[in-house]
């Protein structure tokens, strides 16, 4: 697809910067870490909202 270079050993989703694979790898690692921390963050937000909703339901009269 890209220049006919076969890179089957690379997992899909790895960002390739031509001419500097080391930079590409480190950047991919940084992106991967930030995405993971973002996922943890959004999960934490969702979890706290669920807890808040539970508490609100409990405090509702009736």
N, C-alpha and C. Protein backbone atom coordinates (compact mmCIF):
# COMPACT_ATOMS: atom_id res chain seq x y z
N UNK A 1 0.83 -1.20 0.00
CA UNK A 1 0.00 0.00 0.00
C UNK A 1 0.88 1.26 0.00
N UNK A 2 1.86 1.31 0.89
CA UNK A 2 2.73 2.48 0.96
C UNK A 2 4.09 2.14 0.38
N UNK A 3 4.33 2.50 -0.88
CA UNK A 3 5.64 2.32 -1.48
C UNK A 3 6.02 0.87 -1.66
N UNK A 4 5.11 -0.05 -1.45
CA UNK A 4 5.39 -1.46 -1.65
C UNK A 4 6.29 -2.05 -0.58
N UNK A 5 6.51 -1.31 0.52
CA UNK A 5 7.35 -1.84 1.59
C UNK A 5 6.51 -2.78 2.44
N UNK A 6 7.03 -3.98 2.69
CA UNK A 6 6.27 -4.93 3.51
C UNK A 6 6.77 -4.86 4.94
N UNK A 7 5.88 -4.50 5.86
CA UNK A 7 6.25 -4.43 7.27
C UNK A 7 5.24 -5.24 8.05
N UNK A 8 5.28 -6.55 7.86
CA UNK A 8 4.27 -7.41 8.48
C UNK A 8 4.57 -7.58 9.97
N UNK A 9 5.81 -7.29 10.39
CA UNK A 9 6.14 -7.50 11.80
C UNK A 9 5.59 -6.37 12.67
N UNK A 10 5.21 -5.27 12.04
CA UNK A 10 4.66 -4.14 12.82
C UNK A 10 3.19 -4.38 13.10
N UNK A 11 2.76 -4.20 14.35
CA UNK A 11 1.33 -4.33 14.65
C UNK A 11 0.55 -3.18 14.02
N UNK A 12 -0.70 -3.40 13.67
CA UNK A 12 -1.50 -2.33 13.07
C UNK A 12 -1.70 -1.19 14.06
N UNK A 13 -1.73 0.03 13.54
CA UNK A 13 -1.97 1.18 14.40
C UNK A 13 -0.70 1.88 14.84
N UNK A 14 0.48 1.33 14.45
CA UNK A 14 1.73 1.99 14.82
C UNK A 14 2.00 3.12 13.83
N UNK A 15 2.22 4.32 14.34
CA UNK A 15 2.47 5.45 13.47
C UNK A 15 3.91 5.38 12.97
N UNK A 16 4.08 5.44 11.64
CA UNK A 16 5.41 5.31 11.05
C UNK A 16 5.86 6.66 10.52
N UNK A 17 7.00 7.14 11.02
CA UNK A 17 7.59 8.36 10.49
C UNK A 17 8.76 7.95 9.61
N UNK A 18 8.68 8.17 8.30
CA UNK A 18 9.73 7.72 7.38
C UNK A 18 11.09 8.29 7.75
N UNK A 19 12.09 7.42 7.84
CA UNK A 19 13.45 7.87 8.06
C UNK A 19 13.84 7.93 9.53
N UNK A 20 12.88 7.83 10.46
CA UNK A 20 13.24 7.87 11.87
C UNK A 20 12.35 6.93 12.67
N UNK A 21 12.62 5.63 12.59
CA UNK A 21 11.80 4.65 13.31
C UNK A 21 11.89 4.81 14.82
N UNK A 22 13.06 5.27 15.33
CA UNK A 22 13.18 5.42 16.78
C UNK A 22 12.20 6.48 17.27
N UNK A 23 12.16 7.61 16.58
CA UNK A 23 11.24 8.68 16.95
C UNK A 23 9.81 8.16 16.86
N UNK A 24 9.53 7.39 15.79
CA UNK A 24 8.18 6.86 15.61
C UNK A 24 7.81 5.98 16.79
N UNK A 25 8.73 5.11 17.20
CA UNK A 25 8.43 4.21 18.30
C UNK A 25 8.19 4.98 19.59
N UNK A 26 9.05 5.96 19.88
CA UNK A 26 8.90 6.69 21.14
C UNK A 26 7.62 7.52 21.11
N UNK A 27 7.31 8.12 19.96
CA UNK A 27 6.08 8.90 19.86
C UNK A 27 4.88 7.99 20.04
N UNK A 28 4.94 6.80 19.43
CA UNK A 28 3.83 5.87 19.57
C UNK A 28 3.65 5.48 21.03
N UNK A 29 4.78 5.27 21.72
CA UNK A 29 4.70 4.93 23.14
C UNK A 29 4.05 6.05 23.94
N UNK A 30 4.42 7.29 23.62
CA UNK A 30 3.83 8.43 24.33
C UNK A 30 2.34 8.52 24.06
N UNK A 31 1.96 8.36 22.80
CA UNK A 31 0.53 8.41 22.44
C UNK A 31 -0.21 7.29 23.15
N UNK A 32 0.41 6.09 23.14
CA UNK A 32 -0.23 4.94 23.78
C UNK A 32 -0.44 5.21 25.26
N UNK A 33 0.60 5.75 25.92
CA UNK A 33 0.47 6.02 27.35
C UNK A 33 -0.61 7.06 27.61
N UNK A 34 -0.63 8.13 26.81
CA UNK A 34 -1.62 9.18 27.05
C UNK A 34 -3.03 8.66 26.79
N UNK A 35 -3.18 7.82 25.77
CA UNK A 35 -4.50 7.25 25.49
C UNK A 35 -4.94 6.37 26.64
N UNK A 36 -3.99 5.59 27.18
CA UNK A 36 -4.34 4.70 28.30
C UNK A 36 -4.75 5.52 29.52
N UNK A 37 -3.99 6.58 29.80
CA UNK A 37 -4.32 7.38 30.98
C UNK A 37 -5.65 8.10 30.75
N UNK A 38 -5.91 8.52 29.51
CA UNK A 38 -7.20 9.14 29.20
C UNK A 38 -8.32 8.14 29.43
N UNK A 39 -8.12 6.90 29.01
CA UNK A 39 -9.14 5.87 29.21
C UNK A 39 -9.40 5.68 30.70
N UNK A 40 -8.30 5.59 31.49
CA UNK A 40 -8.46 5.44 32.94
C UNK A 40 -9.22 6.63 33.50
N UNK A 41 -8.88 7.82 33.02
CA UNK A 41 -9.52 9.05 33.52
C UNK A 41 -11.01 9.02 33.22
N UNK A 42 -11.38 8.69 31.96
CA UNK A 42 -12.80 8.70 31.61
C UNK A 42 -13.54 7.61 32.37
N UNK A 43 -12.90 6.48 32.58
CA UNK A 43 -13.54 5.42 33.37
C UNK A 43 -13.76 5.91 34.80
N UNK A 44 -12.78 6.60 35.35
CA UNK A 44 -12.93 7.14 36.70
C UNK A 44 -14.07 8.15 36.76
N UNK A 45 -14.16 9.01 35.75
CA UNK A 45 -15.26 9.99 35.71
C UNK A 45 -16.59 9.27 35.66
N UNK A 46 -16.69 8.27 34.79
CA UNK A 46 -17.95 7.53 34.68
C UNK A 46 -18.28 6.85 35.99
N UNK A 47 -17.27 6.26 36.62
CA UNK A 47 -17.51 5.57 37.89
C UNK A 47 -18.00 6.53 38.96
N UNK A 48 -17.40 7.71 39.04
CA UNK A 48 -17.82 8.67 40.07
C UNK A 48 -19.23 9.17 39.77
N UNK A 49 -19.57 9.32 38.50
CA UNK A 49 -20.94 9.73 38.16
C UNK A 49 -21.93 8.66 38.58
N UNK A 50 -21.56 7.39 38.35
CA UNK A 50 -22.46 6.31 38.76
C UNK A 50 -22.66 6.35 40.27
N UNK A 51 -21.57 6.55 41.02
CA UNK A 51 -21.68 6.61 42.48
C UNK A 51 -22.54 7.79 42.89
N UNK A 52 -22.33 8.94 42.25
CA UNK A 52 -23.14 10.13 42.56
C UNK A 52 -24.61 9.84 42.30
N UNK A 53 -24.90 9.21 41.17
CA UNK A 53 -26.30 8.92 40.84
C UNK A 53 -26.90 7.97 41.87
N UNK A 54 -26.12 6.98 42.29
CA UNK A 54 -26.62 6.04 43.30
C UNK A 54 -26.96 6.80 44.58
N UNK A 55 -26.05 7.68 45.01
CA UNK A 55 -26.29 8.44 46.24
C UNK A 55 -27.52 9.33 46.09
N UNK A 56 -27.69 9.95 44.92
CA UNK A 56 -28.86 10.80 44.70
C UNK A 56 -30.13 9.97 44.76
N UNK A 57 -30.10 8.78 44.16
CA UNK A 57 -31.28 7.92 44.19
C UNK A 57 -31.64 7.56 45.63
N UNK A 58 -30.60 7.28 46.43
CA UNK A 58 -30.86 6.88 47.82
C UNK A 58 -31.44 8.04 48.62
N UNK A 59 -31.00 9.26 48.32
CA UNK A 59 -31.46 10.40 49.12
C UNK A 59 -32.82 10.90 48.64
N UNK A 60 -33.28 10.41 47.50
CA UNK A 60 -34.61 10.82 47.02
C UNK A 60 -35.70 10.27 47.94
N UNK A 61 -36.65 11.09 48.35
CA UNK A 61 -37.75 10.59 49.19
C UNK A 61 -38.67 9.66 48.40
N UNK A 62 -39.12 8.61 49.05
CA UNK A 62 -40.00 7.67 48.38
C UNK A 62 -39.22 6.72 47.54
